[in-house]
Amino acid sequence: MPTYMIKLKPTATDDDIKAVKDKAVSNGGTITHEYKLIKGFAVEMPEQVTSMSFVEEHPHVEHVELDQTIKI
């Protein structure tokens, strides 16, 4: 299952973060990590989820990125 990193805007409140997490979980996701240095979290999504627009469209989400290995 693919994992996505969700970064929220610095102005996002705890309630905003919870709302985004709840949206991801209600779409079949599992929260795998909560970041402490930035407002954000990692979520593992089922293979059949082909779009993260339900999270990307949230007004407090700054960035959504597929977690992947980068080779140099």
N, C-alpha and C. Protein backbone atom coordinates (compact mmCIF):
# COMPACT_ATOMS: atom_id res chain seq x y z
N MET A 1 0.85 -1.18 0.00
CA MET A 1 0.00 0.00 0.00
C MET A 1 0.89 1.25 0.00
N PRO A 2 0.57 2.21 -0.83
CA PRO A 2 1.39 3.43 -0.88
C PRO A 2 1.21 4.29 0.36
N THR A 3 2.28 4.98 0.72
CA THR A 3 2.25 5.90 1.85
C THR A 3 2.41 7.32 1.33
N TYR A 4 1.61 8.23 1.85
CA TYR A 4 1.66 9.63 1.46
C TYR A 4 2.07 10.47 2.66
N MET A 5 2.86 11.51 2.40
CA MET A 5 3.22 12.47 3.43
C MET A 5 2.32 13.69 3.25
N ILE A 6 1.64 14.06 4.31
CA ILE A 6 0.72 15.19 4.27
C ILE A 6 1.31 16.30 5.13
N LYS A 7 1.57 17.46 4.52
CA LYS A 7 2.09 18.61 5.26
C LYS A 7 0.99 19.67 5.32
N LEU A 8 0.72 20.14 6.53
CA LEU A 8 -0.29 21.17 6.69
C LEU A 8 0.35 22.54 6.82
N LYS A 9 -0.44 23.57 6.57
CA LYS A 9 0.05 24.94 6.67
C LYS A 9 0.39 25.25 8.13
N PRO A 10 1.36 26.14 8.35
CA PRO A 10 1.75 26.50 9.73
C PRO A 10 0.59 27.05 10.55
N THR A 11 -0.42 27.59 9.88
CA THR A 11 -1.57 28.17 10.59
C THR A 11 -2.62 27.13 10.98
N ALA A 12 -2.44 25.89 10.57
CA ALA A 12 -3.42 24.83 10.87
C ALA A 12 -3.48 24.58 12.37
N THR A 13 -4.69 24.51 12.89
CA THR A 13 -4.89 24.23 14.32
C THR A 13 -4.93 22.71 14.53
N ASP A 14 -4.92 22.31 15.80
CA ASP A 14 -5.03 20.89 16.12
C ASP A 14 -6.33 20.31 15.55
N ASP A 15 -7.41 21.10 15.60
CA ASP A 15 -8.69 20.64 15.05
C ASP A 15 -8.61 20.47 13.53
N ASP A 16 -7.88 21.37 12.85
CA ASP A 16 -7.70 21.25 11.40
C ASP A 16 -6.94 19.97 11.07
N ILE A 17 -5.87 19.70 11.82
CA ILE A 17 -5.07 18.50 11.60
C ILE A 17 -5.92 17.25 11.82
N LYS A 18 -6.71 17.25 12.88
CA LYS A 18 -7.58 16.11 13.17
C LYS A 18 -8.59 15.90 12.04
N ALA A 19 -9.14 16.99 11.51
CA ALA A 19 -10.11 16.89 10.41
C ALA A 19 -9.49 16.24 9.17
N VAL A 20 -8.25 16.61 8.86
CA VAL A 20 -7.58 16.03 7.69
C VAL A 20 -7.27 14.56 7.94
N LYS A 21 -6.80 14.24 9.14
CA LYS A 21 -6.53 12.83 9.49
C LYS A 21 -7.81 12.01 9.39
N ASP A 22 -8.89 12.54 9.95
CA ASP A 22 -10.18 11.83 9.91
C ASP A 22 -10.62 11.58 8.47
N LYS A 23 -10.39 12.56 7.60
CA LYS A 23 -10.77 12.42 6.18
C LYS A 23 -9.96 11.29 5.53
N ALA A 24 -8.67 11.23 5.84
CA ALA A 24 -7.82 10.18 5.28
C ALA A 24 -8.26 8.81 5.79
N VAL A 25 -8.53 8.71 7.08
CA VAL A 25 -8.94 7.43 7.68
C VAL A 25 -10.30 7.00 7.13
N SER A 26 -11.22 7.94 6.96
CA SER A 26 -12.55 7.59 6.45
C SER A 26 -12.50 7.12 4.99
N ASN A 27 -11.39 7.42 4.31
CA ASN A 27 -11.19 6.95 2.93
C ASN A 27 -10.31 5.70 2.88
N GLY A 28 -10.16 5.03 4.03
CA GLY A 28 -9.44 3.76 4.07
C GLY A 28 -7.99 3.83 4.51
N GLY A 29 -7.52 5.02 4.88
CA GLY A 29 -6.12 5.18 5.26
C GLY A 29 -5.82 4.79 6.69
N THR A 30 -4.53 4.56 6.94
CA THR A 30 -4.02 4.27 8.28
C THR A 30 -2.89 5.24 8.56
N ILE A 31 -3.01 6.02 9.63
CA ILE A 31 -1.95 6.95 10.00
C ILE A 31 -0.76 6.14 10.49
N THR A 32 0.41 6.35 9.87
CA THR A 32 1.59 5.56 10.23
C THR A 32 2.64 6.38 10.98
N HIS A 33 2.56 7.70 10.89
CA HIS A 33 3.55 8.54 11.58
C HIS A 33 2.99 9.95 11.72
N GLU A 34 3.29 10.57 12.86
CA GLU A 34 2.94 11.97 13.06
C GLU A 34 4.24 12.74 13.21
N TYR A 35 4.44 13.76 12.39
CA TYR A 35 5.66 14.54 12.43
C TYR A 35 5.60 15.55 13.57
N LYS A 36 6.73 15.78 14.20
CA LYS A 36 6.79 16.71 15.33
C LYS A 36 7.38 18.07 14.93
N LEU A 37 8.33 18.08 13.98
CA LEU A 37 8.97 19.34 13.60
C LEU A 37 8.12 20.17 12.65
N ILE A 38 7.26 19.51 11.91
CA ILE A 38 6.33 20.21 11.01
C ILE A 38 4.92 19.72 11.35
N LYS A 39 3.95 20.47 10.91
CA LYS A 39 2.57 20.01 11.08
C LYS A 39 2.27 19.06 9.94
N GLY A 40 2.21 17.79 10.27
CA GLY A 40 1.95 16.82 9.23
C GLY A 40 1.96 15.40 9.74
N PHE A 41 1.69 14.48 8.81
CA PHE A 41 1.63 13.07 9.15
C PHE A 41 1.80 12.24 7.89
N ALA A 42 2.06 10.95 8.09
CA ALA A 42 2.14 10.00 6.99
C ALA A 42 0.93 9.09 7.09
N VAL A 43 0.38 8.75 5.94
CA VAL A 43 -0.81 7.89 5.91
C VAL A 43 -0.63 6.84 4.82
N GLU A 44 -0.89 5.61 5.17
CA GLU A 44 -0.85 4.50 4.22
C GLU A 44 -2.26 4.34 3.65
N MET A 45 -2.36 4.35 2.32
CA MET A 45 -3.66 4.28 1.66
C MET A 45 -3.78 2.98 0.88
N PRO A 46 -5.00 2.45 0.76
CA PRO A 46 -5.21 1.24 -0.04
C PRO A 46 -4.83 1.49 -1.51
N GLU A 47 -4.42 0.43 -2.19
CA GLU A 47 -4.01 0.53 -3.60
C GLU A 47 -5.11 1.13 -4.48
N GLN A 48 -6.38 0.85 -4.17
CA GLN A 48 -7.46 1.32 -5.04
C GLN A 48 -7.69 2.83 -4.95
N VAL A 49 -7.07 3.50 -3.98
CA VAL A 49 -7.17 4.96 -3.90
C VAL A 49 -6.17 5.54 -4.89
N THR A 50 -6.66 6.14 -5.95
CA THR A 50 -5.79 6.63 -7.01
C THR A 50 -5.61 8.14 -6.97
N SER A 51 -6.35 8.81 -6.10
CA SER A 51 -6.25 10.26 -5.99
C SER A 51 -6.34 10.66 -4.52
N MET A 52 -5.55 11.64 -4.15
CA MET A 52 -5.59 12.16 -2.78
C MET A 52 -6.31 13.51 -2.76
N SER A 53 -7.13 13.78 -3.76
CA SER A 53 -7.80 15.08 -3.86
C SER A 53 -8.67 15.38 -2.65
N PHE A 54 -9.20 14.34 -2.02
CA PHE A 54 -10.03 14.56 -0.83
C PHE A 54 -9.23 15.17 0.31
N VAL A 55 -7.91 15.02 0.29
CA VAL A 55 -7.04 15.65 1.28
C VAL A 55 -6.44 16.93 0.70
N GLU A 56 -5.99 16.88 -0.55
CA GLU A 56 -5.34 18.03 -1.19
C GLU A 56 -6.24 19.25 -1.23
N GLU A 57 -7.55 19.05 -1.31
CA GLU A 57 -8.48 20.16 -1.43
C GLU A 57 -8.81 20.82 -0.09
N HIS A 58 -8.34 20.23 1.01
CA HIS A 58 -8.60 20.83 2.33
C HIS A 58 -7.85 22.16 2.41
N PRO A 59 -8.48 23.22 2.90
CA PRO A 59 -7.85 24.54 2.89
C PRO A 59 -6.59 24.65 3.75
N HIS A 60 -6.38 23.75 4.69
CA HIS A 60 -5.19 23.84 5.55
C HIS A 60 -4.06 22.90 5.14
N VAL A 61 -4.26 22.16 4.05
CA VAL A 61 -3.21 21.27 3.55
C VAL A 61 -2.30 22.07 2.61
N GLU A 62 -1.01 22.01 2.89
CA GLU A 62 -0.03 22.72 2.08
C GLU A 62 0.53 21.84 0.96
N HIS A 63 0.74 20.54 1.27
CA HIS A 63 1.41 19.68 0.30
C HIS A 63 1.10 18.21 0.59
N VAL A 64 0.92 17.43 -0.48
CA VAL A 64 0.74 15.98 -0.38
C VAL A 64 1.75 15.34 -1.33
N GLU A 65 2.51 14.38 -0.82
CA GLU A 65 3.55 13.75 -1.64
C GLU A 65 3.60 12.26 -1.37
N LEU A 66 3.74 11.50 -2.43
CA LEU A 66 3.92 10.06 -2.31
C LEU A 66 5.30 9.80 -1.71
N ASP A 67 5.35 9.00 -0.65
CA ASP A 67 6.62 8.64 -0.02
C ASP A 67 7.30 7.60 -0.89
N GLN A 68 8.52 7.90 -1.32
CA GLN A 68 9.23 6.98 -2.19
C GLN A 68 10.73 7.12 -2.01
N THR A 69 11.46 6.12 -2.43
CA THR A 69 12.91 6.13 -2.35
C THR A 69 13.47 6.95 -3.51
N ILE A 70 14.43 7.79 -3.19
CA ILE A 70 15.09 8.61 -4.21
C ILE A 70 16.52 8.09 -4.37
N LYS A 71 16.91 7.85 -5.61
CA LYS A 71 18.27 7.37 -5.89
C LYS A 71 19.07 8.45 -6.59
N ILE A 72 20.34 8.52 -6.25
CA ILE A 72 21.24 9.50 -6.86
C ILE A 72 22.15 8.80 -7.84
